[in-house]
Protein backbone atom coordinates (compact mmCIF):
# COMPACT_ATOMS: atom_id res chain seq x y z
CA MET A 1 136.35 -137.04 -17.27
CA ALA A 2 137.99 -134.81 -19.83
CA ARG A 3 138.68 -136.14 -23.12
CA GLU A 4 142.55 -136.11 -24.25
CA LEU A 5 142.97 -134.10 -27.58
CA PRO A 6 144.92 -135.56 -30.19
CA PRO A 7 148.23 -133.74 -30.92
CA LYS A 8 148.39 -131.05 -33.68
CA PRO A 9 150.52 -131.84 -36.76
CA ARG A 10 153.63 -129.80 -37.02
CA LYS A 11 154.05 -126.82 -39.53
CA VAL A 12 155.15 -128.29 -42.90
CA SER A 13 156.82 -125.55 -45.16
CA ASP A 14 155.82 -125.70 -49.28
CA GLU A 15 159.77 -125.97 -49.70
CA GLU A 16 159.87 -129.30 -47.58
CA VAL A 17 157.22 -130.72 -49.69
CA ARG A 18 158.74 -129.89 -52.69
CA ASP A 19 161.97 -131.22 -51.89
CA THR A 20 160.61 -134.53 -50.63
CA ILE A 21 159.10 -134.93 -53.91
CA LEU A 22 161.95 -134.14 -55.96
CA MET A 23 164.20 -136.31 -53.57
CA MET A 24 161.83 -139.20 -53.80
CA CYS A 25 161.32 -138.92 -57.76
CA ARG A 26 165.07 -138.79 -57.96
CA GLU A 27 165.45 -141.75 -55.93
CA ALA A 28 163.05 -143.97 -57.96
CA GLY A 29 164.94 -142.89 -61.16
CA LEU A 30 163.75 -142.30 -64.41
CA MET A 31 162.04 -145.50 -65.02
CA GLY A 32 160.47 -145.42 -61.75
CA SER A 33 157.46 -143.67 -59.95
CA ILE A 34 156.44 -142.82 -56.64
CA LYS A 35 152.85 -142.35 -54.98
CA PRO A 36 151.90 -138.98 -53.74
CA GLU A 37 150.68 -140.88 -50.58
CA ASP A 38 154.17 -141.96 -50.07
CA VAL A 39 155.63 -138.33 -49.90
CA ALA A 40 152.96 -137.31 -47.53
CA ARG A 41 153.82 -140.21 -45.31
CA THR A 42 157.37 -139.55 -45.14
CA VAL A 43 157.01 -135.81 -44.34
CA LEU A 44 154.21 -136.10 -42.05
CA PRO A 45 153.39 -139.86 -41.04
CA ASP A 46 150.85 -139.51 -38.47
CA PHE A 47 148.78 -136.84 -40.24
CA TRP A 48 149.74 -137.47 -43.76
CA GLN A 49 146.27 -136.84 -45.11
CA THR A 50 146.31 -133.53 -44.31
CA LEU A 51 149.05 -132.85 -47.01
CA THR A 52 147.54 -134.36 -50.03
CA LYS A 53 146.27 -131.35 -51.39
CA ARG A 54 149.36 -129.51 -51.05
CA ILE A 55 151.16 -132.28 -52.61
CA ARG A 56 149.10 -132.47 -55.70
CA LEU A 57 149.44 -128.33 -56.00
CA THR A 58 153.33 -128.55 -55.80
CA SER A 59 153.21 -131.62 -58.18
CA LYS A 60 151.06 -129.17 -60.79
CA GLN A 61 154.11 -126.63 -60.23
CA LEU A 62 156.76 -128.96 -60.63
CA ALA A 63 155.33 -130.35 -63.87
CA ALA A 64 154.67 -127.16 -65.39
CA ALA A 65 158.28 -126.35 -64.57
CA GLY A 66 159.33 -129.57 -66.38
CA LYS A 67 161.26 -131.41 -63.29
CA ILE A 68 158.61 -134.07 -63.12
CA VAL A 69 155.68 -135.63 -65.05
CA ILE A 70 152.38 -136.60 -63.86
CA LEU A 71 151.24 -140.06 -64.51
CA ARG A 72 147.65 -141.43 -64.78
CA LYS A 73 147.42 -145.09 -65.79
CA GLY A 74 150.89 -145.01 -66.66
CA LYS A 75 150.75 -142.18 -69.35
CA ILE A 76 151.71 -138.34 -68.74
CA ALA A 77 148.77 -136.48 -67.57
CA ASP A 78 148.16 -132.55 -68.59
CA PRO A 79 148.96 -131.14 -65.14
CA ASN A 80 146.40 -128.77 -65.37
CA ASP A 81 143.42 -131.21 -66.13
CA PHE A 82 144.03 -134.61 -64.42
CA LYS A 83 141.66 -136.24 -61.85
CA GLY A 84 141.74 -139.43 -59.62
CA ILE A 85 144.93 -141.48 -58.77
CA TYR A 86 148.26 -140.09 -60.08
CA ARG A 87 151.85 -140.99 -59.64
CA LEU A 88 154.94 -139.02 -59.95
CA GLN A 89 158.29 -139.42 -62.12
CA ILE A 90 161.02 -137.42 -62.52
CA THR A 91 162.45 -135.94 -65.49
CA GLU A 92 165.90 -135.78 -66.95
CA THR A 93 165.61 -131.84 -66.42
CA GLY A 94 164.72 -132.98 -62.65
CA LEU A 95 167.37 -135.59 -62.53
CA ASN A 96 169.83 -133.36 -63.43
CA ASP A 97 169.03 -129.89 -61.95
CA GLU A 98 171.79 -129.22 -59.47
CA ASP A 99 169.92 -126.14 -58.07
CA ASP A 100 167.26 -128.32 -56.40
CA ARG A 101 169.55 -130.42 -54.58
CA GLY A 102 171.46 -127.82 -52.48
CA GLU A 103 174.97 -128.30 -53.91
């Protein structure tokens, strides 16, 4: 009897990952933060683990652009030198940047 193969995940664009991070961070507000795993689960619920590296890379890019900060143990971390569990938080720039909202 042939074994049924699991379905493949759909293709996810870098833009979708970026937009989801910004949207979720904006929803959390300036005092809130989000987990990268929650971003992955929002974008690709059944295959969220496949997105963790892309979310980390995109988060680093957004932090370098000043749109978000990366938090480690509640403190702002260097986007080029952080390890382990982290959270994401919107900045004033990211909150007020109308270019990223598609408006």
